[in-house]
């Protein structure tokens, strides 16, 4: 696999995010389920250039908690 821009791909598959007017996105972690030509399934992770491994781990952990309903999008602990 090679690194390639995925903005248009994300738009094509209909990915949306819950953002308010004026929100500024500073980093992104995109987890992709990939169907390969041989029929196998792979996992790919896309990140922003400014992301380091600490931010990536934090984003992933926070996303897991939000998906499980343990952490809201906004809160006192931001």
PDB file of N, CA and C in Angstrom:
ATOM      1  N   UNK A   1       0.843  -1.183   0.000  1.00  0.00           N
ATOM      2  CA  UNK A   1       0.000   0.000   0.000  1.00  0.00           C
ATOM      3  C   UNK A   1       0.885   1.242   0.000  1.00  0.00           C
ATOM      4  N   UNK A   2       0.373   2.313  -0.598  1.00  0.00           N
ATOM      5  CA  UNK A   2       1.093   3.582  -0.620  1.00  0.00           C
ATOM      6  C   UNK A   2       0.217   4.675  -0.032  1.00  0.00           C
ATOM      7  N   UNK A   3       0.851   5.673   0.582  1.00  0.00           N
ATOM      8  CA  UNK A   3       0.101   6.814   1.112  1.00  0.00           C
ATOM      9  C   UNK A   3      -0.519   7.589  -0.037  1.00  0.00           C
ATOM     10  N   UNK A   4      -1.789   7.941   0.120  1.00  0.00           N
ATOM     11  CA  UNK A   4      -2.467   8.753  -0.881  1.00  0.00           C
ATOM     12  C   UNK A   4      -3.561   9.586  -0.218  1.00  0.00           C
ATOM     13  N   UNK A   5      -3.874  10.738  -0.784  1.00  0.00           N
ATOM     14  CA  UNK A   5      -4.941  11.575  -0.226  1.00  0.00           C
ATOM     15  C   UNK A   5      -6.273  10.820  -0.237  1.00  0.00           C
ATOM     16  N   UNK A   6      -7.077  10.991   0.830  1.00  0.00           N
ATOM     17  CA  UNK A   6      -8.343  10.251   0.902  1.00  0.00           C
ATOM     18  C   UNK A   6      -9.573  11.142   1.040  1.00  0.00           C
ATOM     19  N   UNK A   7      -9.386  12.458   0.938  1.00  0.00           N
ATOM     20  CA  UNK A   7     -10.524  13.367   1.095  1.00  0.00           C
ATOM     21  C   UNK A   7     -11.678  13.048   0.166  1.00  0.00           C
ATOM     22  N   UNK A   8     -11.409  12.876  -1.104  1.00  0.00           N
ATOM     23  CA  UNK A   8     -12.463  12.587  -2.079  1.00  0.00           C
ATOM     24  C   UNK A   8     -13.085  11.211  -1.815  1.00  0.00           C
ATOM     25  N   UNK A   9     -12.258  10.252  -1.423  1.00  0.00           N
ATOM     26  CA  UNK A   9     -12.760   8.917  -1.089  1.00  0.00           C
ATOM     27  C   UNK A   9     -13.738   8.988   0.077  1.00  0.00           C
ATOM     28  N   UNK A  10     -13.370   9.742   1.111  1.00  0.00           N
ATOM     29  CA  UNK A  10     -14.239   9.895   2.278  1.00  0.00           C
ATOM     30  C   UNK A  10     -15.566  10.529   1.865  1.00  0.00           C
ATOM     31  N   UNK A  11     -15.513  11.538   0.989  1.00  0.00           N
ATOM     32  CA  UNK A  11     -16.738  12.159   0.487  1.00  0.00           C
ATOM     33  C   UNK A  11     -17.568  11.153  -0.303  1.00  0.00           C
ATOM     34  N   UNK A  12     -16.926  10.346  -1.127  1.00  0.00           N
ATOM     35  CA  UNK A  12     -17.619   9.394  -1.992  1.00  0.00           C
ATOM     36  C   UNK A  12     -18.398   8.354  -1.190  1.00  0.00           C
ATOM     37  N   UNK A  13     -17.830   7.896  -0.058  1.00  0.00           N
ATOM     38  CA  UNK A  13     -18.535   6.875   0.720  1.00  0.00           C
ATOM     39  C   UNK A  13     -19.488   7.480   1.752  1.00  0.00           C
ATOM     40  N   UNK A  14     -19.624   8.804   1.748  1.00  0.00           N
ATOM     41  CA  UNK A  14     -20.646   9.471   2.541  1.00  0.00           C
ATOM     42  C   UNK A  14     -20.328   9.673   4.010  1.00  0.00           C
ATOM     43  N   UNK A  15     -19.061   9.826   4.348  1.00  0.00           N
ATOM     44  CA  UNK A  15     -18.688  10.052   5.753  1.00  0.00           C
ATOM     45  C   UNK A  15     -19.082  11.466   6.160  1.00  0.00           C
ATOM     46  N   UNK A  16     -19.719  11.579   7.321  1.00  0.00           N
ATOM     47  CA  UNK A  16     -20.083  12.886   7.868  1.00  0.00           C
ATOM     48  C   UNK A  16     -19.580  12.970   9.314  1.00  0.00           C
ATOM     49  N   UNK A  17     -19.557  14.164   9.855  1.00  0.00           N
ATOM     50  CA  UNK A  17     -19.150  14.380  11.241  1.00  0.00           C
ATOM     51  C   UNK A  17     -20.096  15.377  11.891  1.00  0.00           C
ATOM     52  N   UNK A  18     -20.290  15.244  13.178  1.00  0.00           N
ATOM     53  CA  UNK A  18     -21.156  16.128  13.951  1.00  0.00           C
ATOM     54  C   UNK A  18     -20.353  17.358  14.355  1.00  0.00           C
ATOM     55  N   UNK A  19     -20.458  18.428  13.565  1.00  0.00           N
ATOM     56  CA  UNK A  19     -19.718  19.665  13.814  1.00  0.00           C
ATOM     57  C   UNK A  19     -20.684  20.832  13.886  1.00  0.00           C
ATOM     58  N   UNK A  20     -20.366  21.796  14.721  1.00  0.00           N
ATOM     59  CA  UNK A  20     -21.158  23.014  14.824  1.00  0.00           C
ATOM     60  C   UNK A  20     -20.527  24.113  13.977  1.00  0.00           C
ATOM     61  N   UNK A  21     -21.329  25.108  13.607  1.00  0.00           N
ATOM     62  CA  UNK A  21     -20.833  26.265  12.876  1.00  0.00           C
ATOM     63  C   UNK A  21     -19.673  26.885  13.641  1.00  0.00           C
ATOM     64  N   UNK A  22     -18.576  27.117  12.983  1.00  0.00           N
ATOM     65  CA  UNK A  22     -17.419  27.733  13.626  1.00  0.00           C
ATOM     66  C   UNK A  22     -16.426  26.756  14.230  1.00  0.00           C
ATOM     67  N   UNK A  23     -16.773  25.462  14.300  1.00  0.00           N
ATOM     68  CA  UNK A  23     -15.821  24.474  14.813  1.00  0.00           C
ATOM     69  C   UNK A  23     -14.603  24.429  13.896  1.00  0.00           C
ATOM     70  N   UNK A  24     -13.425  24.262  14.474  1.00  0.00           N
ATOM     71  CA  UNK A  24     -12.179  24.182  13.721  1.00  0.00           C
ATOM     72  C   UNK A  24     -11.560  22.809  13.944  1.00  0.00           C
ATOM     73  N   UNK A  25     -11.495  22.010  12.899  1.00  0.00           N
ATOM     74  CA  UNK A  25     -10.894  20.681  12.996  1.00  0.00           C
ATOM     75  C   UNK A  25      -9.376  20.840  12.949  1.00  0.00           C
ATOM     76  N   UNK A  26      -8.674  20.283  13.933  1.00  0.00           N
ATOM     77  CA  UNK A  26      -7.217  20.442  14.005  1.00  0.00           C
ATOM     78  C   UNK A  26      -6.456  19.162  13.693  1.00  0.00           C
ATOM     79  N   UNK A  27      -7.046  18.020  13.943  1.00  0.00           N
ATOM     80  CA  UNK A  27      -6.406  16.735  13.680  1.00  0.00           C
ATOM     81  C   UNK A  27      -7.474  15.741  13.266  1.00  0.00           C
ATOM     82  N   UNK A  28      -7.051  14.675  12.589  1.00  0.00           N
ATOM     83  CA  UNK A  28      -7.991  13.632  12.195  1.00  0.00           C
ATOM     84  C   UNK A  28      -7.315  12.274  12.256  1.00  0.00           C
ATOM     85  N   UNK A  29      -8.103  11.290  12.633  1.00  0.00           N
ATOM     86  CA  UNK A  29      -7.692   9.901  12.610  1.00  0.00           C
ATOM     87  C   UNK A  29      -8.803   9.149  11.885  1.00  0.00           C
ATOM     88  N   UNK A  30      -8.492   8.579  10.738  1.00  0.00           N
ATOM     89  CA  UNK A  30      -9.494   7.907   9.921  1.00  0.00           C
ATOM     90  C   UNK A  30      -9.151   6.424   9.881  1.00  0.00           C
ATOM     91  N   UNK A  31     -10.092   5.587  10.295  1.00  0.00           N
ATOM     92  CA  UNK A  31      -9.890   4.147  10.277  1.00  0.00           C
ATOM     93  C   UNK A  31     -10.692   3.585   9.108  1.00  0.00           C
ATOM     94  N   UNK A  32     -10.005   2.886   8.223  1.00  0.00           N
ATOM     95  CA  UNK A  32     -10.633   2.382   7.005  1.00  0.00           C
ATOM     96  C   UNK A  32     -10.650   0.861   6.972  1.00  0.00           C
ATOM     97  N   UNK A  33     -11.798   0.289   6.670  1.00  0.00           N
ATOM     98  CA  UNK A  33     -11.895  -1.141   6.366  1.00  0.00           C
ATOM     99  C   UNK A  33     -11.754  -1.248   4.861  1.00  0.00           C
ATOM    100  N   UNK A  34     -10.757  -1.991   4.409  1.00  0.00           N
ATOM    101  CA  UNK A  34     -10.405  -2.034   2.991  1.00  0.00           C
ATOM    102  C   UNK A  34     -10.640  -3.428   2.429  1.00  0.00           C
ATOM    103  N   UNK A  35     -11.416  -3.512   1.351  1.00  0.00           N
ATOM    104  CA  UNK A  35     -11.590  -4.763   0.619  1.00  0.00           C
ATOM    105  C   UNK A  35     -10.531  -4.806  -0.466  1.00  0.00           C
ATOM    106  N   UNK A  36      -9.605  -5.745  -0.356  1.00  0.00           N
ATOM    107  CA  UNK A  36      -8.504  -5.832  -1.302  1.00  0.00           C
ATOM    108  C   UNK A  36      -8.912  -6.644  -2.537  1.00  0.00           C
ATOM    109  N   UNK A  37      -8.201  -6.472  -3.663  1.00  0.00           N
ATOM    110  CA  UNK A  37      -8.560  -7.157  -4.906  1.00  0.00           C
ATOM    111  C   UNK A  37      -8.691  -8.678  -4.776  1.00  0.00           C
ATOM    112  N   UNK A  38      -7.940  -9.295  -3.870  1.00  0.00           N
ATOM    113  CA  UNK A  38      -8.019 -10.756  -3.703  1.00  0.00           C
ATOM    114  C   UNK A  38      -9.172 -11.181  -2.800  1.00  0.00           C
ATOM    115  N   UNK A  39      -9.984 -10.201  -2.348  1.00  0.00           N
ATOM    116  CA  UNK A  39     -11.134 -10.499  -1.504  1.00  0.00           C
ATOM    117  C   UNK A  39     -10.854 -10.445  -0.012  1.00  0.00           C
ATOM    118  N   UNK A  40      -9.610 -10.286   0.368  1.00  0.00           N
ATOM    119  CA  UNK A  40      -9.282 -10.201   1.792  1.00  0.00           C
ATOM    120  C   UNK A  40      -9.614  -8.808   2.327  1.00  0.00           C
ATOM    121  N   UNK A  41      -9.758  -8.730   3.629  1.00  0.00           N
ATOM    122  CA  UNK A  41     -10.082  -7.472   4.303  1.00  0.00           C
ATOM    123  C   UNK A  41      -8.835  -6.977   5.032  1.00  0.00           C
ATOM    124  N   UNK A  42      -8.578  -5.682   4.942  1.00  0.00           N
ATOM    125  CA  UNK A  42      -7.437  -5.077   5.622  1.00  0.00           C
ATOM    126  C   UNK A  42      -7.913  -3.851   6.389  1.00  0.00           C
ATOM    127  N   UNK A  43      -7.096  -3.401   7.304  1.00  0.00           N
ATOM    128  CA  UNK A  43      -7.346  -2.198   8.081  1.00  0.00           C
ATOM    129  C   UNK A  43      -6.273  -1.183   7.723  1.00  0.00           C
ATOM    130  N   UNK A  44      -6.699   0.058   7.468  1.00  0.00           N
ATOM    131  CA  UNK A  44      -5.759   1.126   7.178  1.00  0.00           C
ATOM    132  C   UNK A  44      -6.108   2.319   8.056  1.00  0.00           C
ATOM    133  N   UNK A  45      -5.099   3.018   8.533  1.00  0.00           N
ATOM    134  CA  UNK A  45      -5.315   4.188   9.374  1.00  0.00           C
ATOM    135  C   UNK A  45      -4.729   5.404   8.676  1.00  0.00           C
ATOM    136  N   UNK A  46      -5.561   6.416   8.463  1.00  0.00           N
ATOM    137  CA  UNK A  46      -5.110   7.673   7.879  1.00  0.00           C
ATOM    138  C   UNK A  46      -5.046   8.731   8.967  1.00  0.00           C
ATOM    139  N   UNK A  47      -4.036   9.580   8.905  1.00  0.00           N
ATOM    140  CA  UNK A  47      -3.873  10.615   9.915  1.00  0.00           C
ATOM    141  C   UNK A  47      -3.447  11.925   9.267  1.00  0.00           C
ATOM    142  N   UNK A  48      -3.606  13.001  10.010  1.00  0.00           N
ATOM    143  CA  UNK A  48      -3.126  14.294   9.550  1.00  0.00           C
ATOM    144  C   UNK A  48      -1.626  14.378   9.738  1.00  0.00           C
ATOM    145  N   UNK A  49      -0.980  15.260   8.974  1.00  0.00           N
ATOM    146  CA  UNK A  49       0.474  15.405   9.043  1.00  0.00           C
ATOM    147  C   UNK A  49       0.954  15.858  10.414  1.00  0.00           C
ATOM    148  N   UNK A  50       0.139  16.624  11.139  1.00  0.00           N
ATOM    149  CA  UNK A  50       0.563  17.177  12.425  1.00  0.00           C
ATOM    150  C   UNK A  50       0.418  16.190  13.574  1.00  0.00           C
ATOM    151  N   UNK A  51      -0.129  15.055  13.328  1.00  0.00           N
ATOM    152  CA  UNK A  51      -0.423  14.073  14.358  1.00  0.00           C
ATOM    153  C   UNK A  51       0.834  13.301  14.754  1.00  0.00           C
ATOM    154  N   UNK A  52       1.053  13.164  16.070  1.00  0.00           N
ATOM    155  CA  UNK A  52       2.120  12.289  16.564  1.00  0.00           C
ATOM    156  C   UNK A  52       1.450  11.064  17.193  1.00  0.00           C
ATOM    157  N   UNK A  53       2.228  10.100  17.615  1.00  0.00           N
ATOM    158  CA  UNK A  53       1.644   8.853  18.124  1.00  0.00           C
ATOM    159  C   UNK A  53       0.845   9.076  19.403  1.00  0.00           C
ATOM    160  N   UNK A  54       1.207  10.076  20.190  1.00  0.00           N
ATOM    161  CA  UNK A  54       0.465  10.357  21.418  1.00  0.00           C
ATOM    162  C   UNK A  54      -0.932  10.878  21.071  1.00  0.00           C
ATOM    163  N   UNK A  55      -1.014  11.806  20.114  1.00  0.00           N
ATOM    164  CA  UNK A  55      -2.316  12.326  19.686  1.00  0.00           C
ATOM    165  C   UNK A  55      -3.146  11.220  19.048  1.00  0.00           C
ATOM    166  N   UNK A  56      -2.524  10.390  18.222  1.00  0.00           N
ATOM    167  CA  UNK A  56      -3.248   9.289  17.575  1.00  0.00           C
ATOM    168  C   UNK A  56      -3.848   8.353  18.618  1.00  0.00           C
ATOM    169  N   UNK A  57      -3.073   7.998  19.630  1.00  0.00           N
ATOM    170  CA  UNK A  57      -3.555   7.113  20.690  1.00  0.00           C
ATOM    171  C   UNK A  57      -4.695   7.775  21.462  1.00  0.00           C
ATOM    172  N   UNK A  58      -4.544   9.062  21.759  1.00  0.00           N
ATOM    173  CA  UNK A  58      -5.594   9.792  22.474  1.00  0.00           C
ATOM    174  C   UNK A  58      -6.882   9.881  21.681  1.00  0.00           C
ATOM    175  N   UNK A  59      -6.781  10.181  20.385  1.00  0.00           N
ATOM    176  CA  UNK A  59      -7.970  10.251  19.535  1.00  0.00           C
ATOM    177  C   UNK A  59      -8.668   8.899  19.463  1.00  0.00           C
ATOM    178  N   UNK A  60      -7.884   7.842  19.324  1.00  0.00           N
ATOM    179  CA  UNK A  60      -8.459   6.502  19.246  1.00  0.00           C
ATOM    180  C   UNK A  60      -9.161   6.127  20.548  1.00  0.00           C
ATOM    181  N   UNK A  61      -8.524   6.397  21.660  1.00  0.00           N
ATOM    182  CA  UNK A  61      -9.116   6.083  22.969  1.00  0.00           C
ATOM    183  C   UNK A  61     -10.406   6.881  23.189  1.00  0.00           C
ATOM    184  N   UNK A  62     -10.374   8.171  22.882  1.00  0.00           N
ATOM    185  CA  UNK A  62     -11.568   9.010  23.047  1.00  0.00           C
ATOM    186  C   UNK A  62     -12.692   8.548  22.121  1.00  0.00           C
ATOM    187  N   UNK A  63     -12.354   8.137  20.889  1.00  0.00           N
ATOM    188  CA  UNK A  63     -13.368   7.653  19.953  1.00  0.00           C
ATOM    189  C   UNK A  63     -14.018   6.369  20.464  1.00  0.00           C
ATOM    190  N   UNK A  64     -13.225   5.473  21.039  1.00  0.00           N
ATOM    191  CA  UNK A  64     -13.782   4.244  21.609  1.00  0.00           C
ATOM    192  C   UNK A  64     -14.747   4.561  22.747  1.00  0.00           C
ATOM    193  N   UNK A  65     -14.368   5.487  23.612  1.00  0.00           N
ATOM    194  CA  UNK A  65     -15.249   5.862  24.719  1.00  0.00           C
ATOM    195  C   UNK A  65     -16.534   6.519  24.210  1.00  0.00           C
ATOM    196  N   UNK A  66     -16.429   7.368  23.199  1.00  0.00           N
ATOM    197  CA  UNK A  66     -17.617   8.018  22.634  1.00  0.00           C
ATOM    198  C   UNK A  66     -18.533   6.984  21.976  1.00  0.00           C
ATOM    199  N   UNK A  67     -17.943   6.026  21.270  1.00  0.00           N
ATOM    200  CA  UNK A  67     -18.740   4.989  20.609  1.00  0.00           C
ATOM    201  C   UNK A  67     -19.470   4.114  21.624  1.00  0.00           C
ATOM    202  N   UNK A  68     -18.878   3.944  22.793  1.00  0.00           N
ATOM    203  CA  UNK A  68     -19.497   3.138  23.851  1.00  0.00           C
ATOM    204  C   UNK A  68     -20.404   3.966  24.757  1.00  0.00           C
ATOM    205  N   UNK A  69     -20.537   5.259  24.462  1.00  0.00           N
ATOM    206  CA  UNK A  69     -21.419   6.123  25.230  1.00  0.00           C
ATOM    207  C   UNK A  69     -20.854   6.579  26.560  1.00  0.00           C
ATOM    208  N   UNK A  70     -19.544   6.399  26.781  1.00  0.00           N
ATOM    209  CA  UNK A  70     -18.941   6.800  28.058  1.00  0.00           C
ATOM    210  C   UNK A  70     -18.414   8.220  28.038  1.00  0.00           C
ATOM    211  N   UNK A  71     -18.374   8.837  26.869  1.00  0.00           N
ATOM    212  CA  UNK A  71     -17.828  10.187  26.766  1.00  0.00           C
ATOM    213  C   UNK A  71     -18.624  10.929  25.699  1.00  0.00           C
ATOM    214  N   UNK A  72     -19.092  12.110  26.033  1.00  0.00           N
ATOM    215  CA  UNK A  72     -19.857  12.894  25.062  1.00  0.00           C
ATOM    216  C   UNK A  72     -18.923  13.733  24.205  1.00  0.00           C
ATOM    217  N   UNK A  73     -19.462  14.300  23.154  1.00  0.00           N
ATOM    218  CA  UNK A  73     -18.681  15.126  22.240  1.00  0.00           C
ATOM    219  C   UNK A  73     -18.120  16.356  22.928  1.00  0.00           C
ATOM    220  N   UNK A  74     -18.882  16.912  23.861  1.00  0.00           N
ATOM    221  CA  UNK A  74     -18.421  18.064  24.626  1.00  0.00           C
ATOM    222  C   UNK A  74     -18.604  17.754  26.095  1.00  0.00           C
ATOM    223  N   UNK A  75     -17.863  18.445  26.924  1.00  0.00           N
ATOM    224  CA  UNK A  75     -18.013  18.203  28.350  1.00  0.00           C
ATOM    225  C   UNK A  75     -17.045  19.030  29.159  1.00  0.00           C
ATOM    226  N   UNK A  76     -17.099  18.861  30.453  1.00  0.00           N
ATOM    227  CA  UNK A  76     -16.270  19.622  31.363  1.00  0.00           C
ATOM    228  C   UNK A  76     -14.794  19.229  31.313  1.00  0.00           C
ATOM    229  N   UNK A  77     -14.491  18.046  30.783  1.00  0.00           N
ATOM    230  CA  UNK A  77     -13.121  17.551  30.822  1.00  0.00           C
ATOM    231  C   UNK A  77     -12.360  17.793  29.517  1.00  0.00           C
ATOM    232  N   UNK A  78     -12.784  18.742  28.709  1.00  0.00           N
ATOM    233  CA  UNK A  78     -12.111  19.008  27.429  1.00  0.00           C
ATOM    234  C   UNK A  78     -10.730  19.550  27.648  1.00  0.00           C
TER     235      UNK A  78
END
